[in-house]
Protein backbone atom coordinates (compact mmCIF):
# COMPACT_ATOMS: atom_id res chain seq x y z
CA UNK A 1 150.91 90.51 90.86
CA UNK A 2 149.26 87.50 89.27
CA UNK A 3 146.73 88.77 86.65
CA UNK A 4 144.00 86.44 87.97
CA UNK A 5 144.44 87.76 91.53
CA UNK A 6 144.37 91.32 90.22
CA UNK A 7 141.16 90.63 88.28
CA UNK A 8 139.53 89.00 91.35
CA UNK A 9 140.43 91.98 93.54
CA UNK A 10 139.12 94.41 90.93
CA UNK A 11 135.82 92.49 90.62
CA UNK A 12 135.39 92.39 94.39
CA UNK A 13 136.06 96.14 94.67
CA UNK A 14 133.52 96.93 91.94
CA UNK A 15 130.92 94.68 93.58
CA UNK A 16 131.53 96.34 96.95
CA UNK A 17 131.22 99.85 95.51
CA UNK A 18 128.08 98.88 93.58
CA UNK A 19 126.42 97.52 96.73
CA UNK A 20 127.07 100.74 98.62
CA UNK A 21 125.24 102.76 96.03
CA UNK A 22 128.37 104.71 95.08
CA UNK A 23 127.95 103.96 91.40
CA UNK A 24 124.32 105.05 91.26
CA UNK A 25 122.98 108.53 90.88
CA UNK A 26 121.38 109.98 94.00
CA UNK A 27 117.68 110.70 93.35
CA UNK A 28 116.60 114.32 93.38
CA UNK A 29 115.29 115.33 96.80
CA UNK A 30 116.88 112.33 98.53
CA UNK A 31 117.52 113.34 102.15
CA UNK A 32 120.84 113.51 103.98
CA UNK A 33 121.37 110.39 106.12
CA UNK A 34 123.09 109.63 109.43
CA UNK A 35 124.47 106.29 110.63
CA UNK A 36 122.10 104.49 112.97
CA UNK A 37 122.25 101.01 114.47
CA UNK A 38 119.51 98.97 116.07
CA UNK A 39 120.46 95.98 118.22
CA UNK A 40 117.80 93.33 118.86
CA UNK A 41 118.15 90.94 121.79
CA UNK A 42 115.86 88.23 123.09
CA UNK A 43 116.13 88.00 126.88
CA UNK A 44 119.63 89.49 126.69
CA UNK A 45 120.84 87.21 123.87
CA UNK A 46 121.40 88.52 120.31
CA UNK A 47 118.56 87.71 117.90
CA UNK A 48 119.66 87.25 114.28
CA UNK A 49 117.64 87.56 111.07
CA UNK A 50 115.15 90.08 112.46
CA UNK A 51 113.88 92.42 109.75
CA UNK A 52 113.61 96.04 110.86
CA UNK A 53 111.25 98.49 109.16
CA UNK A 54 111.16 102.23 109.84
CA UNK A 55 107.99 104.21 109.18
CA UNK A 56 108.62 107.97 109.11
CA UNK A 57 106.20 110.26 110.92
CA UNK A 58 106.41 112.95 108.23
CA UNK A 59 105.02 113.73 104.81
CA UNK A 60 107.87 111.91 103.03
CA UNK A 61 106.34 108.52 103.89
CA UNK A 62 106.62 106.33 100.82
CA UNK A 63 109.24 108.46 99.02
CA UNK A 64 112.04 106.15 100.26
CA UNK A 65 112.35 103.02 102.39
CA UNK A 66 114.50 102.61 105.51
CA UNK A 67 115.32 99.44 107.42
CA UNK A 68 117.71 96.56 107.82
CA UNK A 69 118.22 93.03 109.09
CA UNK A 70 120.09 91.87 112.19
CA UNK A 71 123.24 89.80 111.92
CA UNK A 72 124.43 87.00 114.25
CA UNK A 73 125.30 89.54 116.97
CA UNK A 74 121.82 91.12 116.79
CA UNK A 75 123.10 94.33 115.14
CA UNK A 76 121.62 96.01 112.11
CA UNK A 77 123.16 99.01 110.45
CA UNK A 78 120.18 100.64 108.80
CA UNK A 79 120.00 101.58 105.13
CA UNK A 80 117.75 103.86 103.09
CA UNK A 81 116.76 103.20 99.50
CA UNK A 82 114.74 104.81 96.77
CA UNK A 83 114.35 102.81 93.59
CA UNK A 84 117.76 101.31 92.80
CA UNK A 85 119.63 103.86 94.93
CA UNK A 86 120.71 102.49 98.32
CA UNK A 87 122.87 104.06 101.01
CA UNK A 88 123.90 103.18 104.57
CA UNK A 89 122.16 105.39 107.12
CA UNK A 90 118.72 106.91 107.63
CA UNK A 91 117.38 110.44 107.28
CA UNK A 92 116.92 112.51 110.42
CA UNK A 93 113.39 112.43 111.77
CA UNK A 94 110.91 110.49 113.86
CA UNK A 95 110.11 106.85 113.11
CA UNK A 96 107.96 104.00 114.32
CA UNK A 97 110.13 100.87 114.49
CA UNK A 98 108.51 97.56 113.57
CA UNK A 99 110.22 94.17 113.63
CA UNK A 100 109.55 90.81 112.07
CA UNK A 101 111.19 87.40 111.85
CA UNK A 102 110.32 84.49 109.62
CA UNK A 103 109.07 81.55 111.66
CA UNK A 104 110.53 78.14 110.87
CA UNK A 105 108.51 75.83 108.65
CA UNK A 106 106.28 73.33 110.45
CA UNK A 107 107.87 69.87 110.59
CA UNK A 108 105.28 68.28 108.29
CA UNK A 109 105.70 70.78 105.45
CA UNK A 110 106.01 69.11 102.07
CA UNK A 111 107.66 70.34 98.88
CA UNK A 112 105.68 72.12 96.20
CA UNK A 113 105.93 69.11 93.88
CA UNK A 114 104.59 66.80 96.63
CA UNK A 115 101.74 69.23 97.28
CA UNK A 116 100.78 69.29 93.58
CA UNK A 117 100.45 65.49 93.62
CA UNK A 118 97.84 65.57 96.45
CA UNK A 119 94.14 65.20 95.85
CA UNK A 120 91.84 68.07 96.88
CA UNK A 121 90.84 66.16 100.00
CA UNK A 122 94.52 65.56 100.92
CA UNK A 123 95.33 69.23 100.31
CA UNK A 124 92.51 70.28 102.62
CA UNK A 125 93.68 67.94 105.39
CA UNK A 126 97.27 69.05 104.84
CA UNK A 127 96.27 72.73 105.13
CA UNK A 128 94.55 72.10 108.45
CA UNK A 129 97.56 70.14 109.73
CA UNK A 130 99.89 73.04 108.78
CA UNK A 131 97.62 75.56 110.52
CA UNK A 132 97.65 73.54 113.74
CA UNK A 133 101.42 73.05 113.62
CA UNK A 134 102.03 76.78 112.99
CA UNK A 135 99.93 77.66 116.02
CA UNK A 136 102.29 75.58 118.19
CA UNK A 137 105.42 77.41 117.04
CA UNK A 138 106.18 80.13 119.60
CA UNK A 139 106.42 83.65 118.21
CA UNK A 140 109.89 85.14 118.27
CA UNK A 141 108.86 88.78 117.77
CA UNK A 142 105.80 89.84 119.81
CA UNK A 143 102.88 90.63 117.51
CA UNK A 144 102.60 94.19 118.91
CA UNK A 145 105.99 94.97 117.33
CA UNK A 146 105.16 93.72 113.83
CA UNK A 147 103.11 96.70 112.56
CA UNK A 148 103.85 100.44 112.52
CA UNK A 149 100.30 101.09 113.78
CA UNK A 150 100.76 98.98 116.94
CA UNK A 151 104.45 99.15 117.79
CA UNK A 152 105.29 101.17 120.91
CA UNK A 153 108.88 101.68 119.73
CA UNK A 154 109.62 105.07 118.27
CA UNK A 155 112.94 106.79 117.68
CA UNK A 156 113.84 110.41 117.09
CA UNK A 157 116.94 110.45 114.89
CA UNK A 158 118.89 113.70 114.90
CA UNK A 159 122.46 112.37 114.67
CA UNK A 160 124.43 109.13 114.47
CA UNK A 161 123.07 106.77 117.09
CA UNK A 162 122.18 103.34 118.40
CA UNK A 163 119.36 101.74 120.37
CA UNK A 164 118.97 98.30 121.91
CA UNK A 165 115.60 96.54 121.83
CA UNK A 166 115.00 93.45 123.98
CA UNK A 167 112.04 91.41 122.78
CA UNK A 168 111.33 90.14 126.31
CA UNK A 169 110.24 93.66 127.27
CA UNK A 170 107.27 93.38 124.89
CA UNK A 171 106.32 89.76 125.48
CA UNK A 172 102.85 88.64 126.53
CA UNK A 173 102.74 85.22 128.15
CA UNK A 174 99.84 84.00 125.98
CA UNK A 175 101.83 84.77 122.81
CA UNK A 176 104.88 82.91 124.04
CA UNK A 177 104.03 79.51 125.44
CA UNK A 178 106.84 77.47 126.97
CA UNK A 179 109.09 76.20 124.22
CA UNK A 180 107.47 73.25 122.51
CA UNK A 181 109.57 70.46 121.10
CA UNK A 182 108.25 69.66 117.65
CA UNK A 183 109.95 66.56 116.25
CA UNK A 184 111.26 66.88 112.72
CA UNK A 185 110.13 64.07 110.48
CA UNK A 186 112.69 62.68 108.09
CA UNK A 187 111.57 62.18 104.51
């Protein structure tokens, strides 16, 4: 085998193993995990780039973090981490599931260097313009689902599993106005 190909394969394998947490020492008291998948749809269609956060209902809250992010097919295989240790799966237990997705930038957003060049008066006007434009961007994830204290979604994990969440089931009409077309300005 070509030595360069061998080296590339070896580097990829080491990177893969390192990302799974196999090369890191498991923290003392770290719980056993099971494989769990959450699928997020939006009116039946997969929703990508949705961050998923799990808040445990037990005393271990804060000892480790569990969550994931959806891919193009709306699936997220959840992971648990504590410090630098990270492993696929989540500990058994009850969780509140909260979701979030980054909204797109308003069309009039300027770069940081352009912002620094503005006068105080221009910055103030720009800030107001951004606020108004952000208000017109429809929410993707209903606000009720964004915090552990308000989300109605809870799961009881006792084995490998999967749930499907459709955002339309939690939508309030006032939060989701009809899709607005916001023209993108070329710079």
